[in-house]
Every structure is written in C-alpha cells, then in structure tokens.
Amino acid sequence: MMQGEKEVLINKLKDLFDNEEVEIVPASDGYHNYVFIITTNNEKLVARLSLHSCRTKEEIKSELDWIMALSDAGAQVAKPKKIPGYDMIFELATDENAYWVAFFEHTDGSPIDVMNPDEWDQEFFHEWGRQIAYMHNVKISGINRHVYLDSEERKKTTIADAWLKGKLEQLINEMATWSRTPETFGLIHNDLHQGNFHLNKNGFVFYDFDDCTYHFYMQDLAVSIYHALWTGMSFHPESKNFPYEFLSSFLKGYSMKRQLNADMYEQLQVCLQMREVYLYLLFVLKWAPDDMMDWQANKLEELKGNCITGIIPYKEELEKVKYLFN
C-alpha cells in the first residue's frame, strides 16, 4: 500500500470513533487485505480492510459466520467485533479504492517465539495439532463458502509460465479424484501457519480466516507442517532430530481428536506440493527481483526446482512418521 493511502485510511478509521482518543498502527499488508491495530481508551481492536476488487461482502460474511460457529463450539478464535453505529461489515472509500471493513477482537497474545526452547517445544507442537483437529471436528451447516477445487476463483487463475500452470492443474486434477467424506473433507482455515495464531494466557488463538474454504483437511496440516519444518530447520540447523520431534508430536496431537489413515498420508504429500506452488506464485508476486536477499533468491530456486521435478517436500521426514497414518 502506498504511504499516502495508508495515512488516509488511518484518518478515516479515526473518524469512526468520533472524538475518542485512539492510536492506530498498521499491522500488515496482506495479499487481499490491509490490517490495523486500534487502541482506544477501553480496548484493543483489529481493523481489516479488504479491497472490493478482491472480496465480496458475501464472502466476508461467510467467513465471519464460520468464526462465530467455531467460537460457539469452544474454539479459541479472534471473534468479529461490531463497533457502535456500524454494521459488522461496512464500506469505506478513499479517492483511490473502495474497501469492506470488518473489526475483530485483539488476541491479547503474541506470536510463538521459535528461538525460545520453552515455547517452541514438543508440548507446543502436540497442542498445535490437537487444536487444528478440534476445529476440524466442529459441525457446521449453512455456511455458504466456496469449494476451492470447484470455485470460479480457482478456474480464473492466470499463470504465465506453462510449466507452473501445468503443475497446478496436475495437482488439482489429482485432488479431484479423492473421495469427499466427512472424515476427509470440510471447511478449513487454509493458511494455518504459525503466523496466523497467537498464544495468550488461555492458549492458542487463531485468526486470519480470510482464505477459508471447503477443502480436504490435510491441506491445513500441510500448511502447518511445511512452515513449521521450514522455520525450525532454518533457525535450528543444529537440531537434527527436530523434524521427527515436530511431526510425531504434531500428528499425535491431531490424532487425539481425529483419526489419520493411509489415504490421508497420500493426500498430505500432494497438499505439500500444492503449498510450494502457492508459495512460488506468492513470492514471485511479492518479492522484487532487485531487492531480494540471498535467502529469498535461493528459496525461489528451490521452489521452482521442486515444482518442475515433482519433489514432495519433506518426504524423507514424513516417511519416519508414516506409522501414525493407520
């Protein structure tokens, strides 16, 4: 987001609170959204602004409906918040763009510290898996969210590189052959890496459900596994046993609430490949070639090579925990 647009949005957000003293700090610029942390005299909130060109009001409503369903079922999530005088979802416009605005409770927590062995440990990994299974077990009905594999959004995806388009279609076609059963398929977060939850005094608090979709449950596990292993192996290269410690603890935590089977093991491997396709597309879009650091350039080359050759990410590490899929 251009700095001028950001300042305009901050001023417009301040106007929503009349004369109340507020502090507004930009939190992040996402793929579809701009996020601000708002501190008032009484509370701390999160404001998310979604471009009209990227999200419809109906899509945001279905997302909020699911968050509330999860909350009602006892899951720890950052709930939508209605501010006085405005609907749960409302419009805000600048001279440049039109946005949908939604407010959320602040988590009152903080990100996991991957350098702190008292936080980034097997107990945490186990609970991470258990909490995802808890969400996957929440029974829902009437939430009108699209099915990723069938969605018009997916069908309209334009990719210039023929090799990458071919790889994406190959993976999607393979997923399309899988049976959609209540045990394997449902509404998922779809971006459940460690950057999308905080830890507070009550434990995990999940947020950023913007990409939620009906999909195979292994997609959520694949995202968590991919980013945890990438992070852990990058920050702790000396810990040779980390991949097994993470995978065994995480999957055992998930298995406390949901059974894993051999079909899911195969699905997980395909979803891990899909994650690399997604990350390659995202990084090519977000990382300017002239400004990339060495690790970014190396990561892009790694992703491209894996996608072209069909390498399954972390396949050797997964083989050691295959026994948990029975």
Protein backbone atom coordinates (compact mmCIF):
# COMPACT_ATOMS: atom_id res chain seq x y z
CA MET A 1 0.00 0.00 0.00
CA MET A 2 1.24 3.47 -0.84
CA GLN A 3 2.10 5.55 2.22
CA GLY A 4 -0.38 8.28 1.26
CA GLU A 5 -3.25 5.80 1.02
CA LYS A 6 -2.29 4.32 4.38
CA GLU A 7 -2.42 7.74 6.05
CA VAL A 8 -5.83 8.45 4.50
CA LEU A 9 -7.16 5.14 5.83
CA ILE A 10 -5.82 5.80 9.31
CA ASN A 11 -7.59 9.17 9.40
CA LYS A 12 -10.84 7.63 8.16
CA LEU A 13 -10.62 4.90 10.80
CA LYS A 14 -10.06 7.53 13.49
CA ASP A 15 -13.24 9.29 12.35
CA LEU A 16 -15.23 6.15 13.16
CA PHE A 17 -14.56 6.71 16.85
CA ASP A 18 -15.79 10.33 16.94
CA ASN A 19 -13.78 12.29 19.48
CA GLU A 20 -12.39 9.32 21.36
CA GLU A 21 -8.63 9.17 21.70
CA VAL A 22 -7.36 6.32 19.52
CA GLU A 23 -3.99 5.02 18.44
CA ILE A 24 -3.88 3.29 15.06
CA VAL A 25 -0.85 1.31 13.92
CA PRO A 26 -0.54 -0.53 10.60
CA ALA A 27 -0.06 -4.24 11.28
CA SER A 28 0.45 -5.77 7.86
CA ASP A 29 -0.30 -5.56 4.16
CA GLY A 30 -1.74 -8.91 3.17
CA TYR A 31 -2.45 -10.41 -0.22
CA HIS A 32 -6.05 -9.17 -0.18
CA ASN A 33 -6.24 -7.01 2.95
CA TYR A 34 -4.75 -4.18 4.98
CA VAL A 35 -4.73 -4.61 8.74
CA PHE A 36 -4.51 -2.03 11.52
CA ILE A 37 -4.25 -2.36 15.30
CA ILE A 38 -6.52 0.14 17.04
CA THR A 39 -6.14 1.02 20.72
CA THR A 40 -8.92 3.03 22.36
CA ASN A 41 -9.45 4.10 25.95
CA ASN A 42 -11.33 0.87 26.61
CA GLU A 43 -9.97 -1.87 24.37
CA LYS A 44 -7.67 -3.01 21.59
CA LEU A 45 -9.18 -3.99 18.24
CA VAL A 46 -8.04 -5.19 14.83
CA ALA A 47 -9.44 -3.49 11.72
CA ARG A 48 -9.21 -5.37 8.43
CA LEU A 49 -9.87 -3.58 5.15
CA SER A 50 -10.50 -5.75 2.11
CA LEU A 51 -10.47 -4.31 -1.39
CA HIS A 52 -13.80 -4.57 -3.20
CA SER A 53 -11.90 -5.98 -6.17
CA CYS A 54 -10.63 -8.90 -4.06
CA ARG A 55 -13.53 -9.81 -1.76
CA THR A 56 -17.31 -9.55 -1.85
CA LYS A 57 -19.41 -8.71 1.17
CA GLU A 58 -20.99 -12.17 0.95
CA GLU A 59 -17.57 -13.85 1.11
CA ILE A 60 -16.62 -11.89 4.20
CA LYS A 61 -19.98 -12.67 5.84
CA SER A 62 -19.49 -16.41 5.34
CA GLU A 63 -16.01 -16.14 6.87
CA LEU A 64 -17.39 -14.33 9.93
CA ASP A 65 -20.21 -16.86 10.23
CA TRP A 66 -17.70 -19.68 10.46
CA ILE A 67 -15.54 -17.86 13.00
CA MET A 68 -18.61 -17.42 15.20
CA ALA A 69 -19.55 -21.09 14.74
CA LEU A 70 -16.07 -22.09 15.85
CA SER A 71 -16.27 -19.76 18.84
CA ASP A 72 -19.69 -21.11 19.83
CA ALA A 73 -18.18 -24.61 19.75
CA GLY A 74 -15.42 -23.57 22.14
CA ALA A 75 -12.55 -22.97 19.71
CA GLN A 76 -10.17 -20.14 20.58
CA VAL A 77 -10.54 -17.63 17.72
CA ALA A 78 -10.37 -13.87 17.31
CA LYS A 79 -14.08 -13.08 17.00
CA PRO A 80 -15.65 -10.37 14.83
CA LYS A 81 -16.44 -7.17 16.70
CA LYS A 82 -19.22 -4.71 15.93
CA ILE A 83 -18.41 -1.09 16.69
CA PRO A 84 -21.21 1.33 17.68
CA GLY A 85 -23.05 2.89 14.76
CA TYR A 86 -21.85 0.46 12.11
CA ASP A 87 -22.76 -2.96 10.73
CA MET A 88 -20.49 -5.94 11.21
CA ILE A 89 -19.26 -5.36 7.63
CA PHE A 90 -19.39 -1.88 6.12
CA GLU A 91 -17.90 0.16 3.29
CA LEU A 92 -15.12 2.71 3.45
CA ALA A 93 -13.79 4.54 0.39
CA THR A 94 -10.82 6.74 -0.49
CA ASP A 95 -10.11 8.58 -3.72
CA GLU A 96 -8.13 5.52 -4.81
CA ASN A 97 -10.06 2.47 -3.64
CA ALA A 98 -13.21 1.07 -2.04
CA TYR A 99 -12.95 -1.31 0.91
CA TRP A 100 -15.02 -3.60 3.06
CA VAL A 101 -14.22 -3.06 6.74
CA ALA A 102 -14.50 -5.69 9.47
CA PHE A 103 -13.35 -5.41 13.07
CA PHE A 104 -12.05 -8.23 15.24
CA GLU A 105 -11.12 -8.72 18.85
CA HIS A 106 -7.42 -8.48 19.55
CA THR A 107 -5.96 -11.79 20.69
CA ASP A 108 -4.23 -10.24 23.75
CA GLY A 109 -1.42 -12.59 22.86
CA SER A 110 1.82 -12.77 20.92
CA PRO A 111 3.43 -14.92 18.22
CA ILE A 112 5.31 -18.06 19.16
CA ASP A 113 9.00 -17.41 19.79
CA VAL A 114 10.78 -20.03 17.69
CA MET A 115 14.07 -19.21 19.43
CA ASN A 116 12.69 -19.92 22.89
CA PRO A 117 13.00 -23.63 23.74
CA ASP A 118 10.42 -23.18 26.50
CA GLU A 119 7.83 -22.23 23.85
CA TRP A 120 8.97 -23.94 20.64
CA ASP A 121 8.91 -27.48 22.05
CA GLN A 122 7.16 -30.82 21.70
CA GLU A 123 4.35 -29.87 24.09
CA PHE A 124 3.56 -26.86 21.90
CA PHE A 125 3.69 -28.95 18.70
CA HIS A 126 1.32 -31.52 20.22
CA GLU A 127 -1.18 -28.84 21.24
CA TRP A 128 -0.94 -27.21 17.80
CA GLY A 129 -2.07 -30.44 16.16
CA ARG A 130 -4.79 -31.03 18.75
CA GLN A 131 -6.25 -27.55 18.27
CA ILE A 132 -6.47 -27.98 14.50
CA ALA A 133 -8.28 -31.28 14.95
CA TYR A 134 -10.66 -29.56 17.37
CA MET A 135 -11.59 -27.05 14.64
CA HIS A 136 -11.97 -29.80 12.06
CA ASN A 137 -14.43 -31.55 14.37
CA VAL A 138 -16.79 -28.58 14.65
CA LYS A 139 -20.06 -29.48 12.96
CA ILE A 140 -21.31 -26.73 10.67
CA SER A 141 -24.23 -26.18 8.35
CA GLY A 142 -25.50 -23.40 6.13
CA ILE A 143 -22.18 -21.58 5.70
CA ASN A 144 -22.03 -20.54 2.06
CA ARG A 145 -18.29 -20.72 1.45
CA HIS A 146 -16.90 -21.86 -1.89
CA VAL A 147 -15.27 -25.22 -2.57
CA TYR A 148 -11.72 -24.42 -3.66
CA LEU A 149 -11.43 -27.21 -6.19
CA ASP A 150 -14.72 -26.21 -7.86
CA SER A 151 -14.50 -22.44 -7.41
CA GLU A 152 -14.65 -19.88 -10.17
CA GLU A 153 -11.76 -18.10 -8.42
CA ARG A 154 -9.54 -21.13 -8.98
CA LYS A 155 -10.71 -21.57 -12.58
CA LYS A 156 -9.88 -17.94 -13.40
CA THR A 157 -6.32 -18.19 -12.09
CA THR A 158 -3.99 -16.92 -14.79
CA ILE A 159 -0.42 -18.18 -14.81
CA ALA A 160 2.00 -17.08 -17.49
CA ASP A 161 4.50 -19.93 -17.08
CA ALA A 162 3.25 -23.03 -18.86
CA TRP A 163 5.24 -25.37 -16.60
CA LEU A 164 3.70 -23.86 -13.46
CA LYS A 165 0.17 -23.87 -14.86
CA GLY A 166 0.64 -27.49 -15.82
CA LYS A 167 1.87 -28.40 -12.35
CA LEU A 168 -1.07 -26.67 -10.68
CA GLU A 169 -3.58 -28.40 -12.92
CA GLN A 170 -1.89 -31.75 -12.32
CA LEU A 171 -2.25 -31.40 -8.55
CA ILE A 172 -5.84 -30.13 -8.74
CA ASN A 173 -6.82 -32.96 -11.07
CA GLU A 174 -5.34 -35.46 -8.63
CA MET A 175 -7.25 -33.90 -5.72
CA ALA A 176 -10.44 -34.04 -7.78
CA THR A 177 -10.24 -37.86 -7.76
CA TRP A 178 -10.29 -38.07 -3.95
CA SER A 179 -13.50 -39.05 -2.17
CA ARG A 180 -15.05 -36.16 -0.21
CA THR A 181 -16.15 -37.76 3.02
CA PRO A 182 -16.91 -36.17 6.42
CA GLU A 183 -13.65 -37.69 7.67
CA THR A 184 -11.50 -36.10 4.95
CA PHE A 185 -13.29 -33.01 3.65
CA GLY A 186 -14.86 -29.91 5.19
CA LEU A 187 -14.43 -26.22 5.94
CA ILE A 188 -10.79 -25.41 6.67
CA HIS A 189 -8.68 -22.37 7.57
CA ASN A 190 -6.46 -22.93 4.51
CA ASP A 191 -3.50 -20.84 5.72
CA LEU A 192 -2.71 -22.31 9.12
CA HIS A 193 0.97 -21.49 9.53
CA GLN A 194 2.35 -20.22 12.84
CA GLY A 195 1.95 -16.61 11.73
CA ASN A 196 -1.84 -16.94 11.92
CA PHE A 197 -2.24 -17.70 15.59
CA HIS A 198 -1.09 -16.17 18.85
CA LEU A 199 -0.55 -17.58 22.30
CA ASN A 200 -2.17 -15.85 25.26
CA LYS A 201 -2.87 -16.84 28.85
CA ASN A 202 -5.59 -19.23 27.67
CA GLY A 203 -3.51 -20.92 24.96
CA PHE A 204 -3.91 -20.77 21.18
CA VAL A 205 -5.96 -18.04 19.48
CA PHE A 206 -6.43 -18.48 15.73
CA TYR A 207 -7.14 -15.63 13.33
CA ASP A 208 -6.99 -14.58 9.65
CA PHE A 209 -9.69 -16.86 8.27
CA ASP A 210 -9.89 -14.84 5.06
CA ASP A 211 -8.85 -17.78 2.86
CA CYS A 212 -11.15 -20.33 4.50
CA THR A 213 -12.71 -22.74 2.04
CA TYR A 214 -14.22 -26.19 1.70
CA HIS A 215 -11.22 -28.41 1.05
CA PHE A 216 -9.50 -31.56 2.26
CA TYR A 217 -8.45 -31.40 5.91
CA MET A 218 -4.92 -32.45 5.01
CA GLN A 219 -4.47 -29.03 3.40
CA ASP A 220 -4.50 -27.42 6.86
CA LEU A 221 -1.99 -29.97 8.13
CA ALA A 222 0.23 -29.49 5.08
CA VAL A 223 0.46 -25.73 5.61
CA SER A 224 1.30 -26.11 9.30
CA ILE A 225 3.86 -28.83 8.63
CA TYR A 226 5.52 -27.03 5.74
CA HIS A 227 6.02 -23.76 7.61
CA ALA A 228 6.99 -25.36 10.91
CA LEU A 229 9.66 -27.52 9.29
CA TRP A 230 10.94 -24.67 7.12
CA THR A 231 11.14 -22.37 10.15
CA GLY A 232 12.52 -24.90 12.60
CA MET A 233 15.18 -26.26 10.26
CA SER A 234 16.23 -22.74 9.26
CA PHE A 235 16.50 -21.34 12.80
CA HIS A 236 17.81 -24.53 14.41
CA PRO A 237 20.01 -26.27 11.82
CA GLU A 238 21.95 -27.93 14.64
CA SER A 239 18.84 -29.80 15.82
CA LYS A 240 18.95 -32.85 13.55
CA ASN A 241 16.08 -34.54 15.36
CA PHE A 242 13.74 -31.54 15.10
CA PRO A 243 11.73 -32.76 12.05
CA TYR A 244 10.82 -36.03 13.77
CA GLU A 245 10.11 -34.31 17.09
CA PHE A 246 7.78 -31.85 15.41
CA LEU A 247 5.99 -34.30 13.12
CA SER A 248 5.46 -37.00 15.73
CA SER A 249 4.24 -34.55 18.37
CA PHE A 250 2.05 -32.55 15.98
CA LEU A 251 0.44 -35.60 14.37
CA LYS A 252 -0.11 -37.35 17.70
CA GLY A 253 -1.84 -34.20 18.92
CA TYR A 254 -4.10 -34.21 15.86
CA SER A 255 -4.78 -37.94 16.31
CA MET A 256 -6.18 -37.30 19.78
CA LYS A 257 -9.27 -35.81 18.14
CA ARG A 258 -9.27 -37.22 14.59
CA GLN A 259 -8.01 -40.49 13.16
CA LEU A 260 -5.34 -40.44 10.46
CA ASN A 261 -5.28 -43.11 7.74
CA ALA A 262 -3.24 -44.22 4.73
CA ASP A 263 -5.31 -42.18 2.27
CA MET A 264 -4.61 -39.05 4.30
CA TYR A 265 -0.89 -39.77 4.12
CA GLU A 266 -1.06 -39.66 0.32
CA GLN A 267 -3.26 -36.56 0.41
CA LEU A 268 -0.82 -34.79 2.72
CA GLN A 269 2.03 -35.27 0.26
CA VAL A 270 0.04 -33.76 -2.60
CA CYS A 271 -1.06 -30.84 -0.40
CA LEU A 272 2.58 -30.17 0.49
CA GLN A 273 3.38 -29.93 -3.21
CA MET A 274 0.43 -27.59 -3.66
CA ARG A 275 1.80 -25.39 -0.90
CA GLU A 276 5.05 -24.95 -2.79
CA VAL A 277 3.19 -23.98 -5.95
CA TYR A 278 1.23 -21.40 -3.96
CA LEU A 279 4.36 -20.02 -2.28
CA TYR A 280 6.19 -19.74 -5.58
CA LEU A 281 3.31 -17.76 -7.08
CA LEU A 282 3.09 -15.55 -3.98
CA PHE A 283 6.81 -14.84 -3.71
CA VAL A 284 7.17 -14.03 -7.42
CA LEU A 285 4.39 -11.50 -6.96
CA LYS A 286 5.60 -10.01 -3.66
CA TRP A 287 9.40 -10.09 -3.92
CA ALA A 288 11.02 -7.52 -6.22
CA PRO A 289 13.96 -9.22 -8.03
CA ASP A 290 16.31 -6.28 -7.48
CA ASP A 291 15.61 -6.17 -3.72
CA MET A 292 15.74 -9.87 -2.89
CA MET A 293 18.17 -11.14 -0.29
CA ASP A 294 20.20 -14.26 -0.98
CA TRP A 295 17.89 -16.50 1.06
CA GLN A 296 14.88 -15.28 -0.93
CA ALA A 297 16.54 -15.93 -4.28
CA ASN A 298 17.64 -19.37 -3.07
CA LYS A 299 14.14 -20.17 -1.83
CA LEU A 300 12.61 -19.24 -5.17
CA GLU A 301 15.06 -21.50 -6.98
CA GLU A 302 14.32 -24.32 -4.55
CA LEU A 303 10.57 -23.94 -5.02
CA LYS A 304 10.84 -23.80 -8.79
CA GLY A 305 13.07 -26.86 -8.91
CA ASN A 306 10.75 -28.85 -6.63
CA CYS A 307 7.69 -27.89 -8.67
CA ILE A 308 9.29 -28.79 -12.00
CA THR A 309 10.71 -32.13 -10.86
CA GLY A 310 7.73 -33.12 -8.70
CA ILE A 311 9.68 -33.42 -5.48
CA ILE A 312 7.49 -33.98 -2.42
CA PRO A 313 8.62 -31.53 0.29
CA TYR A 314 10.00 -33.21 3.42
CA LYS A 315 9.26 -36.68 2.03
CA GLU A 316 12.12 -38.32 3.96
CA GLU A 317 10.96 -36.72 7.20
CA LEU A 318 7.38 -37.87 6.58
CA GLU A 319 8.46 -41.47 5.98
CA LYS A 320 9.61 -41.66 9.61
CA VAL A 321 6.10 -40.91 10.90
CA LYS A 322 4.13 -42.85 8.31
CA TYR A 323 3.26 -45.36 11.02
CA LEU A 324 0.91 -42.76 12.55
CA PHE A 325 -1.36 -42.98 9.47
CA ASN A 326 -3.08 -46.29 10.05
